[in-house]
Amino acid sequence: TVRLPDDLVRSVDGLVASGDARSRASVVELALERHLRRV
């Protein structure tokens, strides 16, 4: 469970609604993977 700012959640929901992402979880997973690769 994570807490995110409302504007960030709206952006994530927009990606899901537009079909650019499967789910909120997939957006978070992809973002974490990218961040870890960058580190």
PDB file of all heavy atoms in Angstrom:
ATOM      1  N   THR A   1       0.856  -1.179   0.000  1.00  0.00           N
ATOM      2  CA  THR A   1       0.000   0.000   0.000  1.00  0.00           C
ATOM      3  C   THR A   1       0.891   1.227   0.000  1.00  0.00           C
ATOM      4  O   THR A   1       1.831   1.315   0.784  1.00  0.00           O
ATOM      5  CB  THR A   1      -0.903   0.008   1.246  1.00  0.00           C
ATOM      6  OG1 THR A   1      -1.670  -1.194   1.264  1.00  0.00           O
ATOM      7  CG2 THR A   1      -1.824   1.209   1.242  1.00  0.00           C
ATOM      8  N   VAL A   2       0.600   2.161  -0.885  1.00  0.00           N
ATOM      9  CA  VAL A   2       1.352   3.413  -0.932  1.00  0.00           C
ATOM     10  C   VAL A   2       0.372   4.581  -0.967  1.00  0.00           C
ATOM     11  O   VAL A   2      -0.743   4.450  -1.453  1.00  0.00           O
ATOM     12  CB  VAL A   2       2.298   3.488  -2.157  1.00  0.00           C
ATOM     13  CG1 VAL A   2       3.362   2.419  -2.092  1.00  0.00           C
ATOM     14  CG2 VAL A   2       1.521   3.380  -3.443  1.00  0.00           C
ATOM     15  N   ARG A   3       0.803   5.700  -0.467  1.00  0.00           N
ATOM     16  CA  ARG A   3       0.018   6.931  -0.550  1.00  0.00           C
ATOM     17  C   ARG A   3       0.689   7.831  -1.581  1.00  0.00           C
ATOM     18  O   ARG A   3       1.898   8.037  -1.532  1.00  0.00           O
ATOM     19  CB  ARG A   3      -0.041   7.646   0.791  1.00  0.00           C
ATOM     20  CG  ARG A   3      -0.852   6.905   1.812  1.00  0.00           C
ATOM     21  CD  ARG A   3      -1.109   7.791   3.040  1.00  0.00           C
ATOM     22  NE  ARG A   3      -1.924   7.103   3.995  1.00  0.00           N
ATOM     23  CZ  ARG A   3      -3.247   7.047   3.966  1.00  0.00           C
ATOM     24  NH1 ARG A   3      -3.898   7.685   3.007  1.00  0.00           N
ATOM     25  NH2 ARG A   3      -3.918   6.399   4.879  1.00  0.00           N
ATOM     26  N   LEU A   4      -0.123   8.339  -2.495  1.00  0.00           N
ATOM     27  CA  LEU A   4       0.388   9.220  -3.542  1.00  0.00           C
ATOM     28  C   LEU A   4      -0.432  10.498  -3.559  1.00  0.00           C
ATOM     29  O   LEU A   4      -1.620  10.477  -3.236  1.00  0.00           O
ATOM     30  CB  LEU A   4       0.280   8.524  -4.903  1.00  0.00           C
ATOM     31  CG  LEU A   4       1.034   7.207  -5.063  1.00  0.00           C
ATOM     32  CD1 LEU A   4       0.673   6.549  -6.377  1.00  0.00           C
ATOM     33  CD2 LEU A   4       2.528   7.443  -4.976  1.00  0.00           C
ATOM     34  N   PRO A   5       0.183  11.589  -3.980  1.00  0.00           N
ATOM     35  CA  PRO A   5      -0.571  12.842  -4.092  1.00  0.00           C
ATOM     36  C   PRO A   5      -1.714  12.682  -5.103  1.00  0.00           C
ATOM     37  O   PRO A   5      -1.603  11.942  -6.083  1.00  0.00           O
ATOM     38  CB  PRO A   5       0.474  13.848  -4.608  1.00  0.00           C
ATOM     39  CG  PRO A   5       1.798  13.234  -4.300  1.00  0.00           C
ATOM     40  CD  PRO A   5       1.596  11.758  -4.328  1.00  0.00           C
ATOM     41  N   ASP A   6      -2.806  13.403  -4.842  1.00  0.00           N
ATOM     42  CA  ASP A   6      -3.998  13.302  -5.696  1.00  0.00           C
ATOM     43  C   ASP A   6      -3.697  13.585  -7.161  1.00  0.00           C
ATOM     44  O   ASP A   6      -4.220  12.891  -8.041  1.00  0.00           O
ATOM     45  CB  ASP A   6      -5.092  14.258  -5.208  1.00  0.00           C
ATOM     46  CG  ASP A   6      -5.678  13.843  -3.871  1.00  0.00           C
ATOM     47  OD1 ASP A   6      -5.543  12.659  -3.501  1.00  0.00           O
ATOM     48  OD2 ASP A   6      -6.281  14.711  -3.201  1.00  0.00           O
ATOM     49  N   ASP A   7      -2.865  14.577  -7.436  1.00  0.00           N
ATOM     50  CA  ASP A   7      -2.589  14.916  -8.838  1.00  0.00           C
ATOM     51  C   ASP A   7      -1.829  13.788  -9.538  1.00  0.00           C
ATOM     52  O   ASP A   7      -2.058  13.515 -10.719  1.00  0.00           O
ATOM     53  CB  ASP A   7      -1.837  16.247  -8.965  1.00  0.00           C
ATOM     54  CG  ASP A   7      -0.512  16.261  -8.224  1.00  0.00           C
ATOM     55  OD1 ASP A   7      -0.378  15.560  -7.206  1.00  0.00           O
ATOM     56  OD2 ASP A   7       0.399  16.986  -8.678  1.00  0.00           O
ATOM     57  N   LEU A   8      -0.977  13.097  -8.814  1.00  0.00           N
ATOM     58  CA  LEU A   8      -0.258  11.969  -9.393  1.00  0.00           C
ATOM     59  C   LEU A   8      -1.218  10.812  -9.682  1.00  0.00           C
ATOM     60  O   LEU A   8      -1.146  10.181 -10.747  1.00  0.00           O
ATOM     61  CB  LEU A   8       0.861  11.525  -8.450  1.00  0.00           C
ATOM     62  CG  LEU A   8       1.882  10.534  -8.971  1.00  0.00           C
ATOM     63  CD1 LEU A   8       2.554  11.028 -10.243  1.00  0.00           C
ATOM     64  CD2 LEU A   8       2.925  10.255  -7.911  1.00  0.00           C
ATOM     65  N   VAL A   9      -2.134  10.561  -8.774  1.00  0.00           N
ATOM     66  CA  VAL A   9      -3.125   9.504  -8.984  1.00  0.00           C
ATOM     67  C   VAL A   9      -4.008   9.834 -10.180  1.00  0.00           C
ATOM     68  O   VAL A   9      -4.320   8.958 -10.994  1.00  0.00           O
ATOM     69  CB  VAL A   9      -3.975   9.275  -7.712  1.00  0.00           C
ATOM     70  CG1 VAL A   9      -5.112   8.288  -7.977  1.00  0.00           C
ATOM     71  CG2 VAL A   9      -3.097   8.778  -6.566  1.00  0.00           C
ATOM     72  N   ARG A  10      -4.389  11.095 -10.319  1.00  0.00           N
ATOM     73  CA  ARG A  10      -5.196  11.501 -11.490  1.00  0.00           C
ATOM     74  C   ARG A  10      -4.434  11.243 -12.783  1.00  0.00           C
ATOM     75  O   ARG A  10      -5.004  10.775 -13.771  1.00  0.00           O
ATOM     76  CB  ARG A  10      -5.606  12.967 -11.383  1.00  0.00           C
ATOM     77  CG  ARG A  10      -6.785  13.205 -10.470  1.00  0.00           C
ATOM     78  CD  ARG A  10      -7.335  14.621 -10.589  1.00  0.00           C
ATOM     79  NE  ARG A  10      -6.373  15.634 -10.143  1.00  0.00           N
ATOM     80  CZ  ARG A  10      -6.230  16.038  -8.884  1.00  0.00           C
ATOM     81  NH1 ARG A  10      -6.984  15.519  -7.940  1.00  0.00           N
ATOM     82  NH2 ARG A  10      -5.351  16.954  -8.565  1.00  0.00           N
ATOM     83  N   SER A  11      -3.146  11.516 -12.781  1.00  0.00           N
ATOM     84  CA  SER A  11      -2.334  11.270 -13.976  1.00  0.00           C
ATOM     85  C   SER A  11      -2.265   9.780 -14.289  1.00  0.00           C
ATOM     86  O   SER A  11      -2.386   9.372 -15.449  1.00  0.00           O
ATOM     87  CB  SER A  11      -0.925  11.824 -13.787  1.00  0.00           C
ATOM     88  OG  SER A  11      -0.946  13.224 -13.676  1.00  0.00           O
ATOM     89  N   VAL A  12      -2.071   8.978 -13.258  1.00  0.00           N
ATOM     90  CA  VAL A  12      -2.024   7.527 -13.444  1.00  0.00           C
ATOM     91  C   VAL A  12      -3.367   7.029 -13.967  1.00  0.00           C
ATOM     92  O   VAL A  12      -3.431   6.245 -14.910  1.00  0.00           O
ATOM     93  CB  VAL A  12      -1.637   6.816 -12.130  1.00  0.00           C
ATOM     94  CG1 VAL A  12      -1.839   5.313 -12.241  1.00  0.00           C
ATOM     95  CG2 VAL A  12      -0.198   7.146 -11.748  1.00  0.00           C
ATOM     96  N   ASP A  13      -4.451   7.499 -13.362  1.00  0.00           N
ATOM     97  CA  ASP A  13      -5.785   7.098 -13.811  1.00  0.00           C
ATOM     98  C   ASP A  13      -6.038   7.520 -15.255  1.00  0.00           C
ATOM     99  O   ASP A  13      -6.711   6.812 -16.007  1.00  0.00           O
ATOM    100  CB  ASP A  13      -6.854   7.676 -12.890  1.00  0.00           C
ATOM    101  CG  ASP A  13      -6.894   6.986 -11.533  1.00  0.00           C
ATOM    102  OD1 ASP A  13      -6.311   5.892 -11.398  1.00  0.00           O
ATOM    103  OD2 ASP A  13      -7.519   7.550 -10.613  1.00  0.00           O
ATOM    104  N   GLY A  14      -5.492   8.657 -15.642  1.00  0.00           N
ATOM    105  CA  GLY A  14      -5.619   9.102 -17.031  1.00  0.00           C
ATOM    106  C   GLY A  14      -4.928   8.153 -17.996  1.00  0.00           C
ATOM    107  O   GLY A  14      -5.446   7.866 -19.078  1.00  0.00           O
ATOM    108  N   LEU A  15      -3.769   7.647 -17.608  1.00  0.00           N
ATOM    109  CA  LEU A  15      -3.064   6.674 -18.444  1.00  0.00           C
ATOM    110  C   LEU A  15      -3.879   5.392 -18.600  1.00  0.00           C
ATOM    111  O   LEU A  15      -3.966   4.825 -19.689  1.00  0.00           O
ATOM    112  CB  LEU A  15      -1.698   6.342 -17.854  1.00  0.00           C
ATOM    113  CG  LEU A  15      -0.647   7.447 -17.879  1.00  0.00           C
ATOM    114  CD1 LEU A  15       0.569   7.043 -17.058  1.00  0.00           C
ATOM    115  CD2 LEU A  15      -0.255   7.761 -19.311  1.00  0.00           C
ATOM    116  N   VAL A  16      -4.494   4.961 -17.513  1.00  0.00           N
ATOM    117  CA  VAL A  16      -5.305   3.745 -17.553  1.00  0.00           C
ATOM    118  C   VAL A  16      -6.556   3.985 -18.401  1.00  0.00           C
ATOM    119  O   VAL A  16      -6.897   3.167 -19.260  1.00  0.00           O
ATOM    120  CB  VAL A  16      -5.673   3.283 -16.126  1.00  0.00           C
ATOM    121  CG1 VAL A  16      -6.641   2.110 -16.177  1.00  0.00           C
ATOM    122  CG2 VAL A  16      -4.416   2.921 -15.336  1.00  0.00           C
ATOM    123  N   ALA A  17      -7.221   5.114 -18.190  1.00  0.00           N
ATOM    124  CA  ALA A  17      -8.450   5.418 -18.934  1.00  0.00           C
ATOM    125  C   ALA A  17      -8.203   5.535 -20.428  1.00  0.00           C
ATOM    126  O   ALA A  17      -9.046   5.133 -21.236  1.00  0.00           O
ATOM    127  CB  ALA A  17      -9.074   6.705 -18.391  1.00  0.00           C
ATOM    128  N   SER A  18      -7.046   6.056 -20.803  1.00  0.00           N
ATOM    129  CA  SER A  18      -6.738   6.235 -22.226  1.00  0.00           C
ATOM    130  C   SER A  18      -6.257   4.946 -22.887  1.00  0.00           C
ATOM    131  O   SER A  18      -6.078   4.890 -24.096  1.00  0.00           O
ATOM    132  CB  SER A  18      -5.672   7.316 -22.400  1.00  0.00           C
ATOM    133  OG  SER A  18      -4.420   6.867 -21.902  1.00  0.00           O
ATOM    134  N   GLY A  19      -6.021   3.920 -22.075  1.00  0.00           N
ATOM    135  CA  GLY A  19      -5.536   2.655 -22.614  1.00  0.00           C
ATOM    136  C   GLY A  19      -4.024   2.591 -22.731  1.00  0.00           C
ATOM    137  O   GLY A  19      -3.481   1.611 -23.239  1.00  0.00           O
ATOM    138  N   ASP A  20      -3.324   3.622 -22.266  1.00  0.00           N
ATOM    139  CA  ASP A  20      -1.863   3.624 -22.323  1.00  0.00           C
ATOM    140  C   ASP A  20      -1.239   2.760 -21.237  1.00  0.00           C
ATOM    141  O   ASP A  20      -0.032   2.512 -21.258  1.00  0.00           O
ATOM    142  CB  ASP A  20      -1.325   5.057 -22.208  1.00  0.00           C
ATOM    143  CG  ASP A  20      -1.626   5.880 -23.452  1.00  0.00           C
ATOM    144  OD1 ASP A  20      -1.685   5.285 -24.549  1.00  0.00           O
ATOM    145  OD2 ASP A  20      -1.800   7.100 -23.323  1.00  0.00           O
ATOM    146  N   ALA A  21      -2.046   2.322 -20.267  1.00  0.00           N
ATOM    147  CA  ALA A  21      -1.578   1.435 -19.200  1.00  0.00           C
ATOM    148  C   ALA A  21      -2.705   0.469 -18.852  1.00  0.00           C
ATOM    149  O   ALA A  21      -3.874   0.809 -18.973  1.00  0.00           O
ATOM    150  CB  ALA A  21      -1.173   2.234 -17.973  1.00  0.00           C
ATOM    151  N   ARG A  22      -2.319  -0.736 -18.431  1.00  0.00           N
ATOM    152  CA  ARG A  22      -3.318  -1.755 -18.063  1.00  0.00           C
ATOM    153  C   ARG A  22      -4.008  -1.439 -16.757  1.00  0.00           C
ATOM    154  O   ARG A  22      -5.193  -1.710 -16.582  1.00  0.00           O
ATOM    155  CB  ARG A  22      -2.649  -3.126 -17.931  1.00  0.00           C
ATOM    156  CG  ARG A  22      -2.150  -3.729 -19.200  1.00  0.00           C
ATOM    157  CD  ARG A  22      -1.639  -5.171 -18.966  1.00  0.00           C
ATOM    158  NE  ARG A  22      -1.125  -5.400 -17.630  1.00  0.00           N
ATOM    159  CZ  ARG A  22       0.168  -5.449 -17.309  1.00  0.00           C
ATOM    160  NH1 ARG A  22       1.084  -5.291 -18.231  1.00  0.00           N
ATOM    161  NH2 ARG A  22       0.547  -5.675 -16.067  1.00  0.00           N
ATOM    162  N   SER A  23      -3.228  -0.913 -15.800  1.00  0.00           N
ATOM    163  CA  SER A  23      -3.758  -0.691 -14.458  1.00  0.00           C
ATOM    164  C   SER A  23      -2.870   0.286 -13.709  1.00  0.00           C
ATOM    165  O   SER A  23      -1.760   0.596 -14.147  1.00  0.00           O
ATOM    166  CB  SER A  23      -3.802  -2.018 -13.693  1.00  0.00           C
ATOM    167  OG  SER A  23      -2.481  -2.499 -13.500  1.00  0.00           O
ATOM    168  N   ARG A  24      -3.369   0.742 -12.574  1.00  0.00           N
ATOM    169  CA  ARG A  24      -2.544   1.584 -11.710  1.00  0.00           C
ATOM    170  C   ARG A  24      -1.276   0.836 -11.320  1.00  0.00           C
ATOM    171  O   ARG A  24      -0.178   1.390 -11.326  1.00  0.00           O
ATOM    172  CB  ARG A  24      -3.306   1.950 -10.438  1.00  0.00           C
ATOM    173  CG  ARG A  24      -4.390   2.974 -10.615  1.00  0.00           C
ATOM    174  CD  ARG A  24      -5.145   3.137  -9.321  1.00  0.00           C
ATOM    175  NE  ARG A  24      -5.983   4.329  -9.316  1.00  0.00           N
ATOM    176  CZ  ARG A  24      -6.787   4.641  -8.310  1.00  0.00           C
ATOM    177  NH1 ARG A  24      -6.860   3.856  -7.249  1.00  0.00           N
ATOM    178  NH2 ARG A  24      -7.514   5.741  -8.380  1.00  0.00           N
ATOM    179  N   ALA A  25      -1.448  -0.433 -10.960  1.00  0.00           N
ATOM    180  CA  ALA A  25      -0.301  -1.234 -10.523  1.00  0.00           C
ATOM    181  C   ALA A  25       0.758  -1.334 -11.612  1.00  0.00           C
ATOM    182  O   ALA A  25       1.954  -1.264 -11.331  1.00  0.00           O
ATOM    183  CB  ALA A  25      -0.769  -2.629 -10.105  1.00  0.00           C
ATOM    184  N   SER A  26       0.328  -1.482 -12.867  1.00  0.00           N
ATOM    185  CA  SER A  26       1.307  -1.606 -13.943  1.00  0.00           C
ATOM    186  C   SER A  26       2.093  -0.309 -14.130  1.00  0.00           C
ATOM    187  O   SER A  26       3.286  -0.348 -14.438  1.00  0.00           O
ATOM    188  CB  SER A  26       0.640  -2.028 -15.252  1.00  0.00           C
ATOM    189  OG  SER A  26      -0.190  -1.010 -15.757  1.00  0.00           O
ATOM    190  N   VAL A  27       1.444   0.823 -13.915  1.00  0.00           N
ATOM    191  CA  VAL A  27       2.143   2.109 -14.027  1.00  0.00           C
ATOM    192  C   VAL A  27       3.186   2.230 -12.919  1.00  0.00           C
ATOM    193  O   VAL A  27       4.339   2.601 -13.166  1.00  0.00           O
ATOM    194  CB  VAL A  27       1.153   3.297 -13.961  1.00  0.00           C
ATOM    195  CG1 VAL A  27       1.894   4.621 -13.921  1.00  0.00           C
ATOM    196  CG2 VAL A  27       0.186   3.255 -15.129  1.00  0.00           C
ATOM    197  N   VAL A  28       2.801   1.882 -11.701  1.00  0.00           N
ATOM    198  CA  VAL A  28       3.731   1.960 -10.570  1.00  0.00           C
ATOM    199  C   VAL A  28       4.889   0.982 -10.763  1.00  0.00           C
ATOM    200  O   VAL A  28       6.051   1.325 -10.547  1.00  0.00           O
ATOM    201  CB  VAL A  28       2.994   1.699  -9.237  1.00  0.00           C
ATOM    202  CG1 VAL A  28       3.969   1.595  -8.079  1.00  0.00           C
ATOM    203  CG2 VAL A  28       1.965   2.790  -8.981  1.00  0.00           C
ATOM    204  N   GLU A  29       4.576  -0.236 -11.211  1.00  0.00           N
ATOM    205  CA  GLU A  29       5.616  -1.238 -11.439  1.00  0.00           C
ATOM    206  C   GLU A  29       6.622  -0.762 -12.485  1.00  0.00           C
ATOM    207  O   GLU A  29       7.843  -0.856 -12.292  1.00  0.00           O
ATOM    208  CB  GLU A  29       4.983  -2.553 -11.878  1.00  0.00           C
ATOM    209  CG  GLU A  29       5.974  -3.663 -12.082  1.00  0.00           C
ATOM    210  CD  GLU A  29       5.303  -4.971 -12.502  1.00  0.00           C
ATOM    211  OE1 GLU A  29       4.075  -5.015 -12.657  1.00  0.00           O
ATOM    212  OE2 GLU A  29       6.043  -5.952 -12.684  1.00  0.00           O
ATOM    213  N   LEU A  30       6.131  -0.244 -13.589  1.00  0.00           N
ATOM    214  CA  LEU A  30       7.014   0.248 -14.645  1.00  0.00           C
ATOM    215  C   LEU A  30       7.877   1.405 -14.143  1.00  0.00           C
ATOM    216  O   LEU A  30       9.083   1.451 -14.414  1.00  0.00           O
ATOM    217  CB  LEU A  30       6.192   0.682 -15.858  1.00  0.00           C
ATOM    218  CG  LEU A  30       6.967   1.228 -17.043  1.00  0.00           C
ATOM    219  CD1 LEU A  30       7.932   0.181 -17.583  1.00  0.00           C
ATOM    220  CD2 LEU A  30       6.004   1.680 -18.135  1.00  0.00           C
ATOM    221  N   ALA A  31       7.277   2.319 -13.403  1.00  0.00           N
ATOM    222  CA  ALA A  31       8.033   3.461 -12.877  1.00  0.00           C
ATOM    223  C   ALA A  31       9.131   2.998 -11.923  1.00  0.00           C
ATOM    224  O   ALA A  31      10.266   3.500 -11.983  1.00  0.00           O
ATOM    225  CB  ALA A  31       7.087   4.430 -12.181  1.00  0.00           C
ATOM    226  N   LEU A  32       8.826   2.037 -11.067  1.00  0.00           N
ATOM    227  CA  LEU A  32       9.835   1.522 -10.141  1.00  0.00           C
ATOM    228  C   LEU A  32      10.955   0.804 -10.877  1.00  0.00           C
ATOM    229  O   LEU A  32      12.134   0.968 -10.546  1.00  0.00           O
ATOM    230  CB  LEU A  32       9.188   0.583  -9.124  1.00  0.00           C
ATOM    231  CG  LEU A  32       8.378   1.261  -8.027  1.00  0.00           C
ATOM    232  CD1 LEU A  32       7.625   0.210  -7.213  1.00  0.00           C
ATOM    233  CD2 LEU A  32       9.270   2.090  -7.132  1.00  0.00           C
ATOM    234  N   GLU A  33      10.599  -0.009 -11.867  1.00  0.00           N
ATOM    235  CA  GLU A  33      11.623  -0.705 -12.643  1.00  0.00           C
ATOM    236  C   GLU A  33      12.547   0.283 -13.334  1.00  0.00           C
ATOM    237  O   GLU A  33      13.767   0.118 -13.326  1.00  0.00           O
ATOM    238  CB  GLU A  33      10.976  -1.628 -13.671  1.00  0.00           C
ATOM    239  CG  GLU A  33      10.345  -2.857 -13.057  1.00  0.00           C
ATOM    240  CD  GLU A  33       9.532  -3.672 -14.050  1.00  0.00           C
ATOM    241  OE1 GLU A  33       9.254  -3.183 -15.171  1.00  0.00           O
ATOM    242  OE2 GLU A  33       9.166  -4.803 -13.703  1.00  0.00           O
ATOM    243  N   ARG A  34      11.975   1.313 -13.940  1.00  0.00           N
ATOM    244  CA  ARG A  34      12.800   2.320 -14.612  1.00  0.00           C
ATOM    245  C   ARG A  34      13.706   3.044 -13.625  1.00  0.00           C
ATOM    246  O   ARG A  34      14.875   3.307 -13.906  1.00  0.00           O
ATOM    247  CB  ARG A  34      11.915   3.323 -15.356  1.00  0.00           C
ATOM    248  CG  ARG A  34      11.309   2.760 -16.595  1.00  0.00           C
ATOM    249  CD  ARG A  34      10.471   3.779 -17.313  1.00  0.00           C
ATOM    250  NE  ARG A  34       9.944   3.212 -18.541  1.00  0.00           N
ATOM    251  CZ  ARG A  34       9.032   3.791 -19.284  1.00  0.00           C
ATOM    252  NH1 ARG A  34       8.541   4.972 -18.956  1.00  0.00           N
ATOM    253  NH2 ARG A  34       8.616   3.216 -20.386  1.00  0.00           N
ATOM    254  N   HIS A  35      13.161   3.383 -12.464  1.00  0.00           N
ATOM    255  CA  HIS A  35      13.954   4.075 -11.462  1.00  0.00           C
ATOM    256  C   HIS A  35      15.116   3.199 -10.988  1.00  0.00           C
ATOM    257  O   HIS A  35      16.256   3.676 -10.878  1.00  0.00           O
ATOM    258  CB  HIS A  35      13.080   4.480 -10.276  1.00  0.00           C
ATOM    259  CG  HIS A  35      13.863   5.121  -9.181  1.00  0.00           C
ATOM    260  ND1 HIS A  35      14.385   6.394  -9.289  1.00  0.00           N
ATOM    261  CD2 HIS A  35      14.258   4.658  -7.969  1.00  0.00           C
ATOM    262  CE1 HIS A  35      15.059   6.685  -8.191  1.00  0.00           C
ATOM    263  NE2 HIS A  35      14.990   5.642  -7.375  1.00  0.00           N
ATOM    264  N   LEU A  36      14.835   1.933 -10.723  1.00  0.00           N
ATOM    265  CA  LEU A  36      15.888   1.037 -10.258  1.00  0.00           C
ATOM    266  C   LEU A  36      16.964   0.826 -11.325  1.00  0.00           C
ATOM    267  O   LEU A  36      18.158   0.769 -10.995  1.00  0.00           O
ATOM    268  CB  LEU A  36      15.297  -0.294  -9.812  1.00  0.00           C
ATOM    269  CG  LEU A  36      14.415  -0.209  -8.562  1.00  0.00           C
ATOM    270  CD1 LEU A  36      13.729  -1.548  -8.292  1.00  0.00           C
ATOM    271  CD2 LEU A  36      15.208   0.251  -7.353  1.00  0.00           C
ATOM    272  N   ARG A  37      16.553   0.721 -12.588  1.00  0.00           N
ATOM    273  CA  ARG A  37      17.554   0.611 -13.672  1.00  0.00           C
ATOM    274  C   ARG A  37      18.416   1.860 -13.731  1.00  0.00           C
ATOM    275  O   ARG A  37      19.631   1.784 -13.930  1.00  0.00           O
ATOM    276  CB  ARG A  37      16.863   0.373 -15.019  1.00  0.00           C
ATOM    277  CG  ARG A  37      16.455  -1.060 -15.243  1.00  0.00           C
ATOM    278  CD  ARG A  37      16.109  -1.343 -16.690  1.00  0.00           C
ATOM    279  NE  ARG A  37      15.119  -0.450 -17.237  1.00  0.00           N
ATOM    280  CZ  ARG A  37      13.800  -0.670 -17.230  1.00  0.00           C
ATOM    281  NH1 ARG A  37      13.321  -1.770 -16.700  1.00  0.00           N
ATOM    282  NH2 ARG A  37      12.971   0.193 -17.762  1.00  0.00           N
ATOM    283  N   ARG A  38      17.802   3.025 -13.526  1.00  0.00           N
ATOM    284  CA  ARG A  38      18.558   4.279 -13.555  1.00  0.00           C
ATOM    285  C   ARG A  38      19.559   4.337 -12.406  1.00  0.00           C
ATOM    286  O   ARG A  38      20.712   4.740 -12.591  1.00  0.00           O
ATOM    287  CB  ARG A  38      17.611   5.470 -13.488  1.00  0.00           C
ATOM    288  CG  ARG A  38      18.340   6.784 -13.527  1.00  0.00           C
ATOM    289  CD  ARG A  38      17.414   7.954 -13.463  1.00  0.00           C
ATOM    290  NE  ARG A  38      18.201   9.158 -13.413  1.00  0.00           N
ATOM    291  CZ  ARG A  38      17.788  10.324 -13.797  1.00  0.00           C
ATOM    292  NH1 ARG A  38      16.588  10.474 -14.286  1.00  0.00           N
ATOM    293  NH2 ARG A  38      18.567  11.364 -13.722  1.00  0.00           N
ATOM    294  N   VAL A  39      19.117   3.930 -11.214  1.00  0.00           N
ATOM    295  CA  VAL A  39      20.025   3.922 -10.061  1.00  0.00           C
ATOM    296  C   VAL A  39      21.219   3.019 -10.339  1.00  0.00           C
ATOM    297  O   VAL A  39      22.367   3.391 -10.087  1.00  0.00           O
ATOM    298  CB  VAL A  39      19.273   3.483  -8.781  1.00  0.00           C
ATOM    299  CG1 VAL A  39      20.234   3.166  -7.649  1.00  0.00           C
ATOM    300  CG2 VAL A  39      18.274   4.556  -8.363  1.00  0.00           C
TER     301      VAL A  39
END
